[in-house]
Amino acid sequence: MGFWTRIIVNTLLFIAIAGFFSQSGGFYVASIWMAFAASVVLAILNALVKPILFLFSLPITVLTLGLFSIVLNAIMLQLTSYFVGSENFHFASFGMSMLVAVIVSACNAIISSHFVSRR
């Protein structure tokens, strides 16, 4: 999947997940433009910060058989919330950001496999 395709997919996922959790207030996105901005910020953070965090957390990632990567993805989402602005894009708790990280990762894996199988 290309860069802009992944940005659009993440934007749509953020809007859909925020709509799903709108009653509980666990995850909030102010508008589609804030979801787009969060997708761009997340892509930049994943390119620049995540490799460094992954390197530092490699021992615990190996010990947990890769499950610690969910925590790293949640940290990336929390950083995204910080940079976009918590009034526009925020999570009620770290557990909610972990749940959103799992949902986004699973959806991206399914969509990416669909794009690969179509080539």
PDB file of N, CA and C in Angstrom:
ATOM      1  N   MET A   1       0.842  -1.166   0.000  1.00  0.00           N
ATOM      2  CA  MET A   1       0.000   0.000   0.000  1.00  0.00           C
ATOM      3  C   MET A   1       0.890   1.234   0.000  1.00  0.00           C
ATOM      4  N   GLY A   2       0.541   2.211  -0.790  1.00  0.00           N
ATOM      5  CA  GLY A   2       1.323   3.437  -0.872  1.00  0.00           C
ATOM      6  C   GLY A   2       1.097   4.341   0.326  1.00  0.00           C
ATOM      7  N   PHE A   3       1.917   5.372   0.399  1.00  0.00           N
ATOM      8  CA  PHE A   3       1.866   6.298   1.528  1.00  0.00           C
ATOM      9  C   PHE A   3       0.514   6.969   1.647  1.00  0.00           C
ATOM     10  N   TRP A   4       0.026   7.557   0.559  1.00  0.00           N
ATOM     11  CA  TRP A   4      -1.233   8.302   0.628  1.00  0.00           C
ATOM     12  C   TRP A   4      -2.430   7.373   0.799  1.00  0.00           C
ATOM     13  N   THR A   5      -2.337   6.174   0.250  1.00  0.00           N
ATOM     14  CA  THR A   5      -3.411   5.201   0.453  1.00  0.00           C
ATOM     15  C   THR A   5      -3.512   4.836   1.926  1.00  0.00           C
ATOM     16  N   ARG A   6      -2.364   4.621   2.570  1.00  0.00           N
ATOM     17  CA  ARG A   6      -2.359   4.288   4.002  1.00  0.00           C
ATOM     18  C   ARG A   6      -2.876   5.464   4.833  1.00  0.00           C
ATOM     19  N   ILE A   7      -2.543   6.690   4.437  1.00  0.00           N
ATOM     20  CA  ILE A   7      -3.046   7.871   5.152  1.00  0.00           C
ATOM     21  C   ILE A   7      -4.570   7.932   5.065  1.00  0.00           C
ATOM     22  N   ILE A   8      -5.114   7.712   3.881  1.00  0.00           N
ATOM     23  CA  ILE A   8      -6.575   7.756   3.696  1.00  0.00           C
ATOM     24  C   ILE A   8      -7.241   6.625   4.472  1.00  0.00           C
ATOM     25  N   VAL A   9      -6.650   5.435   4.422  1.00  0.00           N
ATOM     26  CA  VAL A   9      -7.220   4.299   5.161  1.00  0.00           C
ATOM     27  C   VAL A   9      -7.211   4.579   6.662  1.00  0.00           C
ATOM     28  N   ASN A  10      -6.094   5.085   7.183  1.00  0.00           N
ATOM     29  CA  ASN A  10      -6.037   5.405   8.614  1.00  0.00           C
ATOM     30  C   ASN A  10      -7.016   6.504   8.984  1.00  0.00           C
ATOM     31  N   THR A  11      -7.191   7.491   8.116  1.00  0.00           N
ATOM     32  CA  THR A  11      -8.180   8.541   8.370  1.00  0.00           C
ATOM     33  C   THR A  11      -9.572   7.948   8.506  1.00  0.00           C
ATOM     34  N   LEU A  12      -9.934   7.096   7.572  1.00  0.00           N
ATOM     35  CA  LEU A  12     -11.260   6.468   7.619  1.00  0.00           C
ATOM     36  C   LEU A  12     -11.402   5.559   8.842  1.00  0.00           C
ATOM     37  N   LEU A  13     -10.320   4.857   9.190  1.00  0.00           N
ATOM     38  CA  LEU A  13     -10.362   4.004  10.386  1.00  0.00           C
ATOM     39  C   LEU A  13     -10.541   4.831  11.654  1.00  0.00           C
ATOM     40  N   PHE A  14      -9.832   5.949  11.753  1.00  0.00           N
ATOM     41  CA  PHE A  14      -9.973   6.807  12.931  1.00  0.00           C
ATOM     42  C   PHE A  14     -11.401   7.318  13.059  1.00  0.00           C
ATOM     43  N   ILE A  15     -11.995   7.749  11.953  1.00  0.00           N
ATOM     44  CA  ILE A  15     -13.380   8.243  11.989  1.00  0.00           C
ATOM     45  C   ILE A  15     -14.339   7.118  12.382  1.00  0.00           C
ATOM     46  N   ALA A  16     -14.163   5.936  11.799  1.00  0.00           N
ATOM     47  CA  ALA A  16     -15.059   4.815  12.085  1.00  0.00           C
ATOM     48  C   ALA A  16     -14.932   4.357  13.542  1.00  0.00           C
ATOM     49  N   ILE A  17     -13.705   4.229  14.026  1.00  0.00           N
ATOM     50  CA  ILE A  17     -13.500   3.769  15.401  1.00  0.00           C
ATOM     51  C   ILE A  17     -14.008   4.808  16.393  1.00  0.00           C
ATOM     52  N   ALA A  18     -13.779   6.084  16.104  1.00  0.00           N
ATOM     53  CA  ALA A  18     -14.294   7.137  16.981  1.00  0.00           C
ATOM     54  C   ALA A  18     -15.815   7.127  16.999  1.00  0.00           C
ATOM     55  N   GLY A  19     -16.429   6.874  15.853  1.00  0.00           N
ATOM     56  CA  GLY A  19     -17.885   6.763  15.804  1.00  0.00           C
ATOM     57  C   GLY A  19     -18.389   5.574  16.594  1.00  0.00           C
ATOM     58  N   PHE A  20     -17.658   4.474  16.538  1.00  0.00           N
ATOM     59  CA  PHE A  20     -18.047   3.276  17.269  1.00  0.00           C
ATOM     60  C   PHE A  20     -17.981   3.494  18.776  1.00  0.00           C
ATOM     61  N   PHE A  21     -16.960   4.231  19.233  1.00  0.00           N
ATOM     62  CA  PHE A  21     -16.787   4.483  20.660  1.00  0.00           C
ATOM     63  C   PHE A  21     -17.326   5.844  21.090  1.00  0.00           C
ATOM     64  N   SER A  22     -18.190   6.453  20.289  1.00  0.00           N
ATOM     65  CA  SER A  22     -18.682   7.800  20.609  1.00  0.00           C
ATOM     66  C   SER A  22     -19.555   7.822  21.869  1.00  0.00           C
ATOM     67  N   GLN A  23     -20.319   6.777  22.115  1.00  0.00           N
ATOM     68  CA  GLN A  23     -21.181   6.750  23.295  1.00  0.00           C
ATOM     69  C   GLN A  23     -20.384   6.634  24.588  1.00  0.00           C
ATOM     70  N   SER A  24     -19.296   5.889  24.547  1.00  0.00           N
ATOM     71  CA  SER A  24     -18.501   5.702  25.769  1.00  0.00           C
ATOM     72  C   SER A  24     -17.531   6.848  26.010  1.00  0.00           C
ATOM     73  N   GLY A  25     -17.216   7.608  24.967  1.00  0.00           N
ATOM     74  CA  GLY A  25     -16.265   8.699  25.109  1.00  0.00           C
ATOM     75  C   GLY A  25     -14.827   8.221  25.232  1.00  0.00           C
ATOM     76  N   GLY A  26     -14.561   6.981  24.851  1.00  0.00           N
ATOM     77  CA  GLY A  26     -13.228   6.415  24.976  1.00  0.00           C
ATOM     78  C   GLY A  26     -12.239   6.946  23.959  1.00  0.00           C
ATOM     79  N   PHE A  27     -12.732   7.294  22.783  1.00  0.00           N
ATOM     80  CA  PHE A  27     -11.877   7.776  21.704  1.00  0.00           C
ATOM     81  C   PHE A  27     -12.640   8.875  20.979  1.00  0.00           C
ATOM     82  N   TYR A  28     -12.000  10.014  20.805  1.00  0.00           N
ATOM     83  CA  TYR A  28     -12.673  11.180  20.229  1.00  0.00           C
ATOM     84  C   TYR A  28     -11.838  11.771  19.108  1.00  0.00           C
ATOM     85  N   VAL A  29     -12.487  12.048  17.981  1.00  0.00           N
ATOM     86  CA  VAL A  29     -11.880  12.763  16.862  1.00  0.00           C
ATOM     87  C   VAL A  29     -12.826  13.904  16.518  1.00  0.00           C
ATOM     88  N   ALA A  30     -12.298  15.133  16.483  1.00  0.00           N
ATOM     89  CA  ALA A  30     -13.137  16.313  16.296  1.00  0.00           C
ATOM     90  C   ALA A  30     -13.751  16.388  14.895  1.00  0.00           C
ATOM     91  N   SER A  31     -12.989  16.054  13.860  1.00  0.00           N
ATOM     92  CA  SER A  31     -13.488  16.145  12.494  1.00  0.00           C
ATOM     93  C   SER A  31     -12.672  15.238  11.593  1.00  0.00           C
ATOM     94  N   ILE A  32     -13.116  15.144  10.362  1.00  0.00           N
ATOM     95  CA  ILE A  32     -12.377  14.331   9.407  1.00  0.00           C
ATOM     96  C   ILE A  32     -11.007  14.952   9.111  1.00  0.00           C
ATOM     97  N   TRP A  33     -10.910  16.268   9.201  1.00  0.00           N
ATOM     98  CA  TRP A  33      -9.614  16.922   8.966  1.00  0.00           C
ATOM     99  C   TRP A  33      -8.645  16.657  10.106  1.00  0.00           C
ATOM    100  N   MET A  34      -9.154  16.544  11.314  1.00  0.00           N
ATOM    101  CA  MET A  34      -8.290  16.187  12.437  1.00  0.00           C
ATOM    102  C   MET A  34      -7.856  14.725  12.336  1.00  0.00           C
ATOM    103  N   ALA A  35      -8.738  13.880  11.829  1.00  0.00           N
ATOM    104  CA  ALA A  35      -8.357  12.482  11.599  1.00  0.00           C
ATOM    105  C   ALA A  35      -7.283  12.398  10.518  1.00  0.00           C
ATOM    106  N   PHE A  36      -7.408  13.221   9.483  1.00  0.00           N
ATOM    107  CA  PHE A  36      -6.396  13.266   8.433  1.00  0.00           C
ATOM    108  C   PHE A  36      -5.066  13.773   8.995  1.00  0.00           C
ATOM    109  N   ALA A  37      -5.117  14.834   9.792  1.00  0.00           N
ATOM    110  CA  ALA A  37      -3.896  15.369  10.409  1.00  0.00           C
ATOM    111  C   ALA A  37      -3.265  14.326  11.328  1.00  0.00           C
ATOM    112  N   ALA A  38      -4.087  13.609  12.082  1.00  0.00           N
ATOM    113  CA  ALA A  38      -3.567  12.573  12.969  1.00  0.00           C
ATOM    114  C   ALA A  38      -2.927  11.443  12.165  1.00  0.00           C
ATOM    115  N   SER A  39      -3.497  11.110  11.028  1.00  0.00           N
ATOM    116  CA  SER A  39      -2.916  10.070  10.175  1.00  0.00           C
ATOM    117  C   SER A  39      -1.557  10.483   9.647  1.00  0.00           C
ATOM    118  N   VAL A  40      -1.427  11.741   9.255  1.00  0.00           N
ATOM    119  CA  VAL A  40      -0.138  12.237   8.754  1.00  0.00           C
ATOM    120  C   VAL A  40       0.892  12.266   9.883  1.00  0.00           C
ATOM    121  N   VAL A  41       0.482  12.765  11.044  1.00  0.00           N
ATOM    122  CA  VAL A  41       1.400  12.816  12.195  1.00  0.00           C
ATOM    123  C   VAL A  41       1.808  11.405  12.598  1.00  0.00           C
ATOM    124  N   LEU A  42       0.862  10.476  12.602  1.00  0.00           N
ATOM    125  CA  LEU A  42       1.171   9.090  12.959  1.00  0.00           C
ATOM    126  C   LEU A  42       2.163   8.486  11.967  1.00  0.00           C
ATOM    127  N   ALA A  43       1.998   8.769  10.690  1.00  0.00           N
ATOM    128  CA  ALA A  43       2.930   8.251   9.686  1.00  0.00           C
ATOM    129  C   ALA A  43       4.334   8.813   9.903  1.00  0.00           C
ATOM    130  N   ILE A  44       4.421  10.089  10.219  1.00  0.00           N
ATOM    131  CA  ILE A  44       5.727  10.708  10.475  1.00  0.00           C
ATOM    132  C   ILE A  44       6.359  10.114  11.733  1.00  0.00           C
ATOM    133  N   LEU A  45       5.574   9.969  12.790  1.00  0.00           N
ATOM    134  CA  LEU A  45       6.092   9.382  14.027  1.00  0.00           C
ATOM    135  C   LEU A  45       6.523   7.932  13.819  1.00  0.00           C
ATOM    136  N   ASN A  46       5.737   7.185  13.042  1.00  0.00           N
ATOM    137  CA  ASN A  46       6.111   5.798  12.769  1.00  0.00           C
ATOM    138  C   ASN A  46       7.407   5.705  11.970  1.00  0.00           C
ATOM    139  N   ALA A  47       7.670   6.694  11.138  1.00  0.00           N
ATOM    140  CA  ALA A  47       8.906   6.680  10.349  1.00  0.00           C
ATOM    141  C   ALA A  47      10.114   7.145  11.152  1.00  0.00           C
ATOM    142  N   LEU A  48       9.912   8.092  12.077  1.00  0.00           N
ATOM    143  CA  LEU A  48      11.049   8.696  12.771  1.00  0.00           C
ATOM    144  C   LEU A  48      11.272   8.176  14.188  1.00  0.00           C
ATOM    145  N   VAL A  49      10.217   8.019  14.954  1.00  0.00           N
ATOM    146  CA  VAL A  49      10.355   7.705  16.376  1.00  0.00           C
ATOM    147  C   VAL A  49      10.227   6.205  16.656  1.00  0.00           C
ATOM    148  N   LYS A  50       9.319   5.538  15.975  1.00  0.00           N
ATOM    149  CA  LYS A  50       9.053   4.132  16.275  1.00  0.00           C
ATOM    150  C   LYS A  50      10.275   3.230  16.115  1.00  0.00           C
ATOM    151  N   PRO A  51      11.120   3.405  15.094  1.00  0.00           N
ATOM    152  CA  PRO A  51      12.309   2.540  15.022  1.00  0.00           C
ATOM    153  C   PRO A  51      13.232   2.682  16.226  1.00  0.00           C
ATOM    154  N   ILE A  52      13.346   3.876  16.756  1.00  0.00           N
ATOM    155  CA  ILE A  52      14.190   4.092  17.934  1.00  0.00           C
ATOM    156  C   ILE A  52      13.578   3.404  19.154  1.00  0.00           C
ATOM    157  N   LEU A  53      12.269   3.579  19.351  1.00  0.00           N
ATOM    158  CA  LEU A  53      11.588   2.913  20.463  1.00  0.00           C
ATOM    159  C   LEU A  53      11.647   1.398  20.323  1.00  0.00           C
ATOM    160  N   PHE A  54      11.511   0.917  19.105  1.00  0.00           N
ATOM    161  CA  PHE A  54      11.581  -0.528  18.875  1.00  0.00           C
ATOM    162  C   PHE A  54      12.962  -1.071  19.229  1.00  0.00           C
ATOM    163  N   LEU A  55      13.992  -0.334  18.870  1.00  0.00           N
ATOM    164  CA  LEU A  55      15.348  -0.768  19.186  1.00  0.00           C
ATOM    165  C   LEU A  55      15.582  -0.823  20.691  1.00  0.00           C
ATOM    166  N   PHE A  56      15.126   0.201  21.411  1.00  0.00           N
ATOM    167  CA  PHE A  56      15.288   0.219  22.861  1.00  0.00           C
ATOM    168  C   PHE A  56      14.464  -0.858  23.560  1.00  0.00           C
ATOM    169  N   SER A  57      13.331  -1.189  22.994  1.00  0.00           N
ATOM    170  CA  SER A  57      12.448  -2.167  23.628  1.00  0.00           C
ATOM    171  C   SER A  57      12.615  -3.572  23.047  1.00  0.00           C
ATOM    172  N   LEU A  58      13.640  -3.797  22.279  1.00  0.00           N
ATOM    173  CA  LEU A  58      13.835  -5.097  21.643  1.00  0.00           C
ATOM    174  C   LEU A  58      13.901  -6.251  22.643  1.00  0.00           C
ATOM    175  N   PRO A  59      14.625  -6.125  23.771  1.00  0.00           N
ATOM    176  CA  PRO A  59      14.642  -7.261  24.713  1.00  0.00           C
ATOM    177  C   PRO A  59      13.261  -7.636  25.246  1.00  0.00           C
ATOM    178  N   ILE A  60      12.463  -6.655  25.632  1.00  0.00           N
ATOM    179  CA  ILE A  60      11.130  -6.982  26.157  1.00  0.00           C
ATOM    180  C   ILE A  60      10.204  -7.456  25.035  1.00  0.00           C
ATOM    181  N   THR A  61      10.412  -6.969  23.819  1.00  0.00           N
ATOM    182  CA  THR A  61       9.622  -7.442  22.685  1.00  0.00           C
ATOM    183  C   THR A  61       9.917  -8.914  22.417  1.00  0.00           C
ATOM    184  N   VAL A  62      11.179  -9.296  22.501  1.00  0.00           N
ATOM    185  CA  VAL A  62      11.551 -10.699  22.308  1.00  0.00           C
ATOM    186  C   VAL A  62      10.982 -11.562  23.430  1.00  0.00           C
ATOM    187  N   LEU A  63      11.067 -11.081  24.675  1.00  0.00           N
ATOM    188  CA  LEU A  63      10.543 -11.845  25.809  1.00  0.00           C
ATOM    189  C   LEU A  63       9.036 -12.060  25.730  1.00  0.00           C
ATOM    190  N   THR A  64       8.328 -11.090  25.186  1.00  0.00           N
ATOM    191  CA  THR A  64       6.870 -11.205  25.078  1.00  0.00           C
ATOM    192  C   THR A  64       6.430 -11.760  23.736  1.00  0.00           C
ATOM    193  N   LEU A  65       7.395 -12.256  22.965  1.00  0.00           N
ATOM    194  CA  LEU A  65       7.120 -12.841  21.647  1.00  0.00           C
ATOM    195  C   LEU A  65       6.424 -11.856  20.713  1.00  0.00           C
ATOM    196  N   GLY A  66       6.790 -10.603  20.803  1.00  0.00           N
ATOM    197  CA  GLY A  66       6.275  -9.580  19.903  1.00  0.00           C
ATOM    198  C   GLY A  66       5.041  -8.854  20.378  1.00  0.00           C
ATOM    199  N   LEU A  67       4.442  -9.287  21.469  1.00  0.00           N
ATOM    200  CA  LEU A  67       3.213  -8.651  21.947  1.00  0.00           C
ATOM    201  C   LEU A  67       3.447  -7.244  22.480  1.00  0.00           C
ATOM    202  N   PHE A  68       4.679  -6.930  22.846  1.00  0.00           N
ATOM    203  CA  PHE A  68       4.971  -5.580  23.322  1.00  0.00           C
ATOM    204  C   PHE A  68       4.827  -4.555  22.194  1.00  0.00           C
ATOM    205  N   SER A  69       4.809  -5.018  20.949  1.00  0.00           N
ATOM    206  CA  SER A  69       4.616  -4.082  19.837  1.00  0.00           C
ATOM    207  C   SER A  69       3.249  -3.414  19.904  1.00  0.00           C
ATOM    208  N   ILE A  70       2.278  -4.057  20.542  1.00  0.00           N
ATOM    209  CA  ILE A  70       0.967  -3.424  20.737  1.00  0.00           C
ATOM    210  C   ILE A  70       1.117  -2.206  21.641  1.00  0.00           C
ATOM    211  N   VAL A  71       1.931  -2.332  22.674  1.00  0.00           N
ATOM    212  CA  VAL A  71       2.183  -1.210  23.574  1.00  0.00           C
ATOM    213  C   VAL A  71       2.905  -0.092  22.822  1.00  0.00           C
ATOM    214  N   LEU A  72       3.857  -0.451  21.957  1.00  0.00           N
ATOM    215  CA  LEU A  72       4.550   0.565  21.158  1.00  0.00           C
ATOM    216  C   LEU A  72       3.584   1.293  20.230  1.00  0.00           C
ATOM    217  N   ASN A  73       2.662   0.558  19.619  1.00  0.00           N
ATOM    218  CA  ASN A  73       1.662   1.200  18.754  1.00  0.00           C
ATOM    219  C   ASN A  73       0.757   2.122  19.559  1.00  0.00           C
ATOM    220  N   ALA A  74       0.411   1.723  20.774  1.00  0.00           N
ATOM    221  CA  ALA A  74      -0.410   2.579  21.638  1.00  0.00           C
ATOM    222  C   ALA A  74       0.360   3.837  22.033  1.00  0.00           C
ATOM    223  N   ILE A  75       1.654   3.703  22.298  1.00  0.00           N
ATOM    224  CA  ILE A  75       2.484   4.871  22.603  1.00  0.00           C
ATOM    225  C   ILE A  75       2.528   5.816  21.413  1.00  0.00           C
ATOM    226  N   MET A  76       2.611   5.261  20.207  1.00  0.00           N
ATOM    227  CA  MET A  76       2.609   6.097  19.000  1.00  0.00           C
ATOM    228  C   MET A  76       1.287   6.858  18.876  1.00  0.00           C
ATOM    229  N   LEU A  77       0.182   6.199  19.205  1.00  0.00           N
ATOM    230  CA  LEU A  77      -1.114   6.880  19.163  1.00  0.00           C
ATOM    231  C   LEU A  77      -1.219   7.960  20.231  1.00  0.00           C
ATOM    232  N   GLN A  78      -0.668   7.711  21.408  1.00  0.00           N
ATOM    233  CA  GLN A  78      -0.669   8.729  22.459  1.00  0.00           C
ATOM    234  C   GLN A  78       0.184   9.930  22.045  1.00  0.00           C
ATOM    235  N   LEU A  79       1.333   9.682  21.427  1.00  0.00           N
ATOM    236  CA  LEU A  79       2.158  10.782  20.922  1.00  0.00           C
ATOM    237  C   LEU A  79       1.431  11.555  19.829  1.00  0.00           C
ATOM    238  N   THR A  80       0.712  10.838  18.988  1.00  0.00           N
ATOM    239  CA  THR A  80      -0.085  11.501  17.952  1.00  0.00           C
ATOM    240  C   THR A  80      -1.117  12.418  18.580  1.00  0.00           C
ATOM    241  N   SER A  81      -1.781  11.937  19.625  1.00  0.00           N
ATOM    242  CA  SER A  81      -2.759  12.749  20.334  1.00  0.00           C
ATOM    243  C   SER A  81      -2.113  14.001  20.917  1.00  0.00           C
ATOM    244  N   TYR A  82      -0.917  13.856  21.430  1.00  0.00           N
ATOM    245  CA  TYR A  82      -0.203  15.004  22.009  1.00  0.00           C
ATOM    246  C   TYR A  82       0.120  16.040  20.935  1.00  0.00           C
ATOM    247  N   PHE A  83       0.625  15.596  19.789  1.00  0.00           N
ATOM    248  CA  PHE A  83       1.039  16.537  18.746  1.00  0.00           C
ATOM    249  C   PHE A  83      -0.135  17.145  17.987  1.00  0.00           C
ATOM    250  N   VAL A  84      -1.205  16.381  17.795  1.00  0.00           N
ATOM    251  CA  VAL A  84      -2.377  16.924  17.096  1.00  0.00           C
ATOM    252  C   VAL A  84      -3.160  17.843  18.017  1.00  0.00           C
ATOM    253  N   GLY A  85      -3.157  17.531  19.288  1.00  0.00           N
ATOM    254  CA  GLY A  85      -3.913  18.309  20.267  1.00  0.00           C
ATOM    255  C   GLY A  85      -4.979  17.445  20.886  1.00  0.00           C
ATOM    256  N   SER A  86      -4.945  17.329  22.183  1.00  0.00           N
ATOM    257  CA  SER A  86      -5.870  16.406  22.847  1.00  0.00           C
ATOM    258  C   SER A  86      -7.324  16.875  22.790  1.00  0.00           C
ATOM    259  N   GLU A  87      -7.552  18.144  22.444  1.00  0.00           N
ATOM    260  CA  GLU A  87      -8.949  18.585  22.293  1.00  0.00           C
ATOM    261  C   GLU A  87      -9.525  18.142  20.948  1.00  0.00           C
ATOM    262  N   ASN A  88      -8.660  17.749  20.005  1.00  0.00           N
ATOM    263  CA  ASN A  88      -9.098  17.323  18.678  1.00  0.00           C
ATOM    264  C   ASN A  88      -9.044  15.814  18.470  1.00  0.00           C
ATOM    265  N   PHE A  89      -8.158  15.150  19.192  1.00  0.00           N
ATOM    266  CA  PHE A  89      -7.903  13.722  18.978  1.00  0.00           C
ATOM    267  C   PHE A  89      -7.385  13.172  20.294  1.00  0.00           C
ATOM    268  N   HIS A  90      -8.222  12.436  21.025  1.00  0.00           N
ATOM    269  CA  HIS A  90      -7.740  11.954  22.319  1.00  0.00           C
ATOM    270  C   HIS A  90      -8.368  10.622  22.706  1.00  0.00           C
ATOM    271  N   PHE A  91      -7.721   9.997  23.674  1.00  0.00           N
ATOM    272  CA  PHE A  91      -8.146   8.710  24.220  1.00  0.00           C
ATOM    273  C   PHE A  91      -8.475   8.909  25.693  1.00  0.00           C
ATOM    274  N   ALA A  92      -9.449   8.155  26.178  1.00  0.00           N
ATOM    275  CA  ALA A  92      -9.836   8.269  27.582  1.00  0.00           C
ATOM    276  C   ALA A  92      -8.791   7.632  28.489  1.00  0.00           C
ATOM    277  N   SER A  93      -8.110   6.607  27.992  1.00  0.00           N
ATOM    278  CA  SER A  93      -7.116   5.905  28.805  1.00  0.00           C
ATOM    279  C   SER A  93      -6.086   5.250  27.901  1.00  0.00           C
ATOM    280  N   PHE A  94      -5.014   4.780  28.512  1.00  0.00           N
ATOM    281  CA  PHE A  94      -3.998   4.074  27.746  1.00  0.00           C
ATOM    282  C   PHE A  94      -4.541   2.739  27.235  1.00  0.00           C
ATOM    283  N   GLY A  95      -5.420   2.129  28.003  1.00  0.00           N
ATOM    284  CA  GLY A  95      -6.059   0.887  27.560  1.00  0.00           C
ATOM    285  C   GLY A  95      -6.872   1.088  26.295  1.00  0.00           C
ATOM    286  N   MET A  96      -7.555   2.229  26.202  1.00  0.00           N
ATOM    287  CA  MET A  96      -8.320   2.523  24.993  1.00  0.00           C
ATOM    288  C   MET A  96      -7.385   2.734  23.806  1.00  0.00           C
ATOM    289  N   SER A  97      -6.253   3.389  24.041  1.00  0.00           N
ATOM    290  CA  SER A  97      -5.309   3.565  22.935  1.00  0.00           C
ATOM    291  C   SER A  97      -4.724   2.214  22.507  1.00  0.00           C
ATOM    292  N   MET A  98      -4.563   1.274  23.453  1.00  0.00           N
ATOM    293  CA  MET A  98      -4.111  -0.065  23.070  1.00  0.00           C
ATOM    294  C   MET A  98      -5.180  -0.788  22.251  1.00  0.00           C
ATOM    295  N   LEU A  99      -6.431  -0.639  22.623  1.00  0.00           N
ATOM    296  CA  LEU A  99      -7.522  -1.263  21.867  1.00  0.00           C
ATOM    297  C   LEU A  99      -7.601  -0.682  20.453  1.00  0.00           C
ATOM    298  N   VAL A 100      -7.505   0.628  20.342  1.00  0.00           N
ATOM    299  CA  VAL A 100      -7.530   1.272  19.029  1.00  0.00           C
ATOM    300  C   VAL A 100      -6.312   0.835  18.210  1.00  0.00           C
ATOM    301  N   ALA A 101      -5.161   0.690  18.859  1.00  0.00           N
ATOM    302  CA  ALA A 101      -3.952   0.238  18.155  1.00  0.00           C
ATOM    303  C   ALA A 101      -4.149  -1.166  17.595  1.00  0.00           C
ATOM    304  N   VAL A 102      -4.775  -2.037  18.357  1.00  0.00           N
ATOM    305  CA  VAL A 102      -5.041  -3.405  17.882  1.00  0.00           C
ATOM    306  C   VAL A 102      -6.007  -3.382  16.705  1.00  0.00           C
ATOM    307  N   ILE A 103      -7.064  -2.596  16.813  1.00  0.00           N
ATOM    308  CA  ILE A 103      -8.064  -2.522  15.742  1.00  0.00           C
ATOM    309  C   ILE A 103      -7.445  -1.949  14.467  1.00  0.00           C
ATOM    310  N   VAL A 104      -6.693  -0.864  14.592  1.00  0.00           N
ATOM    311  CA  VAL A 104      -6.069  -0.236  13.425  1.00  0.00           C
ATOM    312  C   VAL A 104      -5.050  -1.192  12.793  1.00  0.00           C
ATOM    313  N   SER A 105      -4.252  -1.859  13.608  1.00  0.00           N
ATOM    314  CA  SER A 105      -3.256  -2.798  13.083  1.00  0.00           C
ATOM    315  C   SER A 105      -3.922  -3.960  12.355  1.00  0.00           C
ATOM    316  N   ALA A 106      -4.973  -4.507  12.943  1.00  0.00           N
ATOM    317  CA  ALA A 106      -5.678  -5.624  12.311  1.00  0.00           C
ATOM    318  C   ALA A 106      -6.309  -5.204  10.989  1.00  0.00           C
ATOM    319  N   CYS A 107      -6.954  -4.041  10.983  1.00  0.00           N
ATOM    320  CA  CYS A 107      -7.574  -3.555   9.745  1.00  0.00           C
ATOM    321  C   CYS A 107      -6.524  -3.258   8.678  1.00  0.00           C
ATOM    322  N   ASN A 108      -5.411  -2.655   9.068  1.00  0.00           N
ATOM    323  CA  ASN A 108      -4.341  -2.383   8.103  1.00  0.00           C
ATOM    324  C   ASN A 108      -3.748  -3.676   7.552  1.00  0.00           C
ATOM    325  N   ALA A 109      -3.622  -4.711   8.385  1.00  0.00           N
ATOM    326  CA  ALA A 109      -3.102  -5.992   7.907  1.00  0.00           C
ATOM    327  C   ALA A 109      -4.057  -6.617   6.897  1.00  0.00           C
ATOM    328  N   ILE A 110      -5.352  -6.560   7.174  1.00  0.00           N
ATOM    329  CA  ILE A 110      -6.339  -7.118   6.249  1.00  0.00           C
ATOM    330  C   ILE A 110      -6.353  -6.348   4.942  1.00  0.00           C
ATOM    331  N   ILE A 111      -6.357  -5.026   5.029  1.00  0.00           N
ATOM    332  CA  ILE A 111      -6.399  -4.200   3.823  1.00  0.00           C
ATOM    333  C   ILE A 111      -5.108  -4.341   3.029  1.00  0.00           C
ATOM    334  N   SER A 112      -3.962  -4.391   3.705  1.00  0.00           N
ATOM    335  CA  SER A 112      -2.687  -4.561   3.008  1.00  0.00           C
ATOM    336  C   SER A 112      -2.628  -5.902   2.292  1.00  0.00           C
ATOM    337  N   SER A 113      -3.127  -6.960   2.921  1.00  0.00           N
ATOM    338  CA  SER A 113      -3.119  -8.264   2.256  1.00  0.00           C
ATOM    339  C   SER A 113      -4.055  -8.262   1.049  1.00  0.00           C
ATOM    340  N   HIS A 114      -5.116  -7.498   1.116  1.00  0.00           N
ATOM    341  CA  HIS A 114      -6.020  -7.384  -0.031  1.00  0.00           C
ATOM    342  C   HIS A 114      -5.323  -6.670  -1.194  1.00  0.00           C
ATOM    343  N   PHE A 115      -4.565  -5.604  -0.903  1.00  0.00           N
ATOM    344  CA  PHE A 115      -3.853  -4.882  -1.949  1.00  0.00           C
ATOM    345  C   PHE A 115      -2.762  -5.760  -2.572  1.00  0.00           C
ATOM    346  N   VAL A 116      -2.087  -6.558  -1.741  1.00  0.00           N
ATOM    347  CA  VAL A 116      -1.018  -7.423  -2.257  1.00  0.00           C
ATOM    348  C   VAL A 116      -1.611  -8.534  -3.119  1.00  0.00           C
ATOM    349  N   SER A 117      -2.736  -9.101  -2.710  1.00  0.00           N
ATOM    350  CA  SER A 117      -3.322 -10.202  -3.459  1.00  0.00           C
ATOM    351  C   SER A 117      -3.903  -9.745  -4.798  1.00  0.00           C
ATOM    352  N   ARG A 118      -4.182  -8.465  -4.947  1.00  0.00           N
ATOM    353  CA  ARG A 118      -4.759  -7.956  -6.203  1.00  0.00           C
ATOM    354  C   ARG A 118      -3.693  -7.696  -7.250  1.00  0.00           C
ATOM    355  N   ARG A 119      -2.426  -7.697  -6.886  1.00  0.00           N
ATOM    356  CA  ARG A 119      -1.366  -7.413  -7.867  1.00  0.00           C
ATOM    357  C   ARG A 119      -1.016  -8.605  -8.676  1.00  0.00           C
TER     358      ARG A 119
END
